[in-house]
């Protein structure tokens, strides 16, 4: 019982950390963007950079939430149902993470990648 309580607290800490990272990251990057916009005026490059930074914050939160789900499934709720739910969550979060990574970096998914970014391939054309 004591070990399960410890892991429940650990999961709560990881989940609170994920939410905190999300809130602080979005507030920081949003304020940074608006400060630069006021100082330098509107810029397409600055907006692209904001989207990339928001995406990185989201990816970090997804990683933390997957870690929390993994801790729950391995230590607290050890059942096949829990394992199935974990598998579905990991697949969904991995898909979302790959989608964000593709959008942020302009990289093709691993199966289609030739080792070059989308920008490098566009330069060929």
Protein backbone atom coordinates (compact mmCIF):
# COMPACT_ATOMS: atom_id res chain seq x y z
CA UNK A 1 0.00 0.00 0.00
CA UNK A 2 2.76 2.45 0.84
CA UNK A 3 4.45 1.89 -2.52
CA UNK A 4 1.19 2.42 -4.41
CA UNK A 5 0.62 5.66 -2.50
CA UNK A 6 4.11 6.79 -3.45
CA UNK A 7 3.50 6.10 -7.13
CA UNK A 8 0.10 7.81 -7.04
CA UNK A 9 1.80 10.91 -5.64
CA UNK A 10 4.52 10.61 -8.30
CA UNK A 11 1.88 10.45 -11.04
CA UNK A 12 0.11 13.49 -9.61
CA UNK A 13 3.41 15.38 -9.55
CA UNK A 14 4.19 14.48 -13.17
CA UNK A 15 0.69 15.49 -14.31
CA UNK A 16 0.83 18.79 -12.41
CA UNK A 17 4.27 19.40 -13.91
CA UNK A 18 2.86 18.80 -17.41
CA UNK A 19 0.03 21.28 -16.87
CA UNK A 20 2.43 23.80 -15.32
CA UNK A 21 4.83 23.49 -18.25
CA UNK A 22 1.94 24.05 -20.63
CA UNK A 23 0.60 27.13 -18.83
CA UNK A 24 3.97 28.73 -18.15
CA UNK A 25 5.29 27.92 -21.63
CA UNK A 26 2.26 29.33 -23.41
CA UNK A 27 2.21 32.45 -21.23
CA UNK A 28 5.94 33.04 -21.69
CA UNK A 29 5.98 32.47 -25.43
CA UNK A 30 2.79 34.46 -25.96
CA UNK A 31 4.10 37.44 -24.03
CA UNK A 32 7.45 37.19 -25.82
CA UNK A 33 5.68 37.25 -29.18
CA UNK A 34 3.52 40.26 -28.31
CA UNK A 35 6.51 42.14 -26.91
CA UNK A 36 8.44 41.57 -30.15
CA UNK A 37 5.38 42.43 -32.24
CA UNK A 38 4.90 45.74 -30.42
CA UNK A 39 8.60 46.53 -30.64
CA UNK A 40 9.29 45.43 -34.24
CA UNK A 41 5.86 45.30 -35.85
CA UNK A 42 4.13 42.29 -37.37
CA UNK A 43 6.34 39.72 -39.00
CA UNK A 44 5.56 36.40 -40.66
CA UNK A 45 8.83 34.99 -39.36
CA UNK A 46 7.97 35.87 -35.77
CA UNK A 47 4.57 34.19 -36.09
CA UNK A 48 6.18 31.03 -37.49
CA UNK A 49 8.62 31.05 -34.59
CA UNK A 50 5.73 31.42 -32.13
CA UNK A 51 3.96 28.40 -33.61
CA UNK A 52 7.16 26.36 -33.40
CA UNK A 53 7.71 27.31 -29.77
CA UNK A 54 4.07 26.53 -28.89
CA UNK A 55 4.46 23.18 -30.61
CA UNK A 56 7.59 22.37 -28.61
CA UNK A 57 5.75 23.18 -25.38
CA UNK A 58 2.93 20.85 -26.43
CA UNK A 59 5.37 18.07 -27.30
CA UNK A 60 7.02 18.33 -23.90
CA UNK A 61 3.62 18.13 -22.20
CA UNK A 62 2.69 15.08 -24.24
CA UNK A 63 5.92 13.34 -23.19
CA UNK A 64 5.22 14.05 -19.53
CA UNK A 65 1.64 12.79 -19.78
CA UNK A 66 2.79 9.57 -21.48
CA UNK A 67 5.26 9.09 -18.61
CA UNK A 68 2.45 9.53 -16.08
CA UNK A 69 0.27 7.01 -17.92
CA UNK A 70 3.14 4.57 -18.04
CA UNK A 71 3.71 4.87 -14.29
CA UNK A 72 0.01 4.27 -13.64
CA UNK A 73 -0.15 1.19 -15.86
CA UNK A 74 3.04 -0.41 -14.63
CA UNK A 75 2.78 0.25 -10.90
CA UNK A 76 -0.75 1.12 -9.79
CA UNK A 77 -3.35 -0.47 -12.07
CA UNK A 78 -1.80 -3.69 -13.38
CA UNK A 79 -4.53 -5.15 -15.55
CA UNK A 80 -5.01 -5.95 -19.22
CA UNK A 81 -7.68 -3.27 -19.44
CA UNK A 82 -5.25 -0.69 -18.11
CA UNK A 83 -2.59 -1.91 -20.54
CA UNK A 84 -5.04 -1.57 -23.44
CA UNK A 85 -5.96 1.96 -22.43
CA UNK A 86 -2.26 2.80 -22.13
CA UNK A 87 -1.58 1.41 -25.60
CA UNK A 88 -4.39 3.49 -27.12
CA UNK A 89 -3.22 6.65 -25.34
CA UNK A 90 0.37 6.13 -26.43
CA UNK A 91 -0.66 5.56 -30.04
CA UNK A 92 -2.83 8.69 -30.05
CA UNK A 93 -0.21 10.84 -28.36
CA UNK A 94 2.55 9.50 -30.59
CA UNK A 95 0.47 10.29 -33.67
CA UNK A 96 -0.21 13.78 -32.35
CA UNK A 97 3.48 14.23 -31.53
CA UNK A 98 4.56 13.12 -35.00
CA UNK A 99 1.99 15.42 -36.57
CA UNK A 100 3.26 18.36 -34.52
CA UNK A 101 6.87 17.48 -35.31
CA UNK A 102 6.05 17.32 -39.02
CA UNK A 103 4.30 20.66 -38.94
CA UNK A 104 6.99 22.35 -36.86
CA UNK A 105 10.08 21.04 -38.58
CA UNK A 106 8.76 20.46 -42.04
CA UNK A 107 10.07 16.90 -41.85
CA UNK A 108 8.38 14.03 -43.58
CA UNK A 109 7.32 11.08 -41.48
CA UNK A 110 10.11 8.56 -40.87
CA UNK A 111 8.88 6.07 -43.47
CA UNK A 112 8.96 8.67 -46.24
CA UNK A 113 12.01 10.60 -45.10
CA UNK A 114 15.06 10.76 -47.32
CA UNK A 115 17.15 12.44 -44.63
CA UNK A 116 16.42 15.94 -45.86
CA UNK A 117 14.00 18.56 -44.60
CA UNK A 118 11.05 19.73 -46.66
CA UNK A 119 12.81 23.05 -47.25
CA UNK A 120 15.84 21.29 -48.74
CA UNK A 121 13.61 19.26 -51.05
CA UNK A 122 11.73 22.40 -52.12
CA UNK A 123 15.04 24.04 -53.09
CA UNK A 124 15.58 21.26 -55.66
CA UNK A 125 12.37 22.18 -57.46
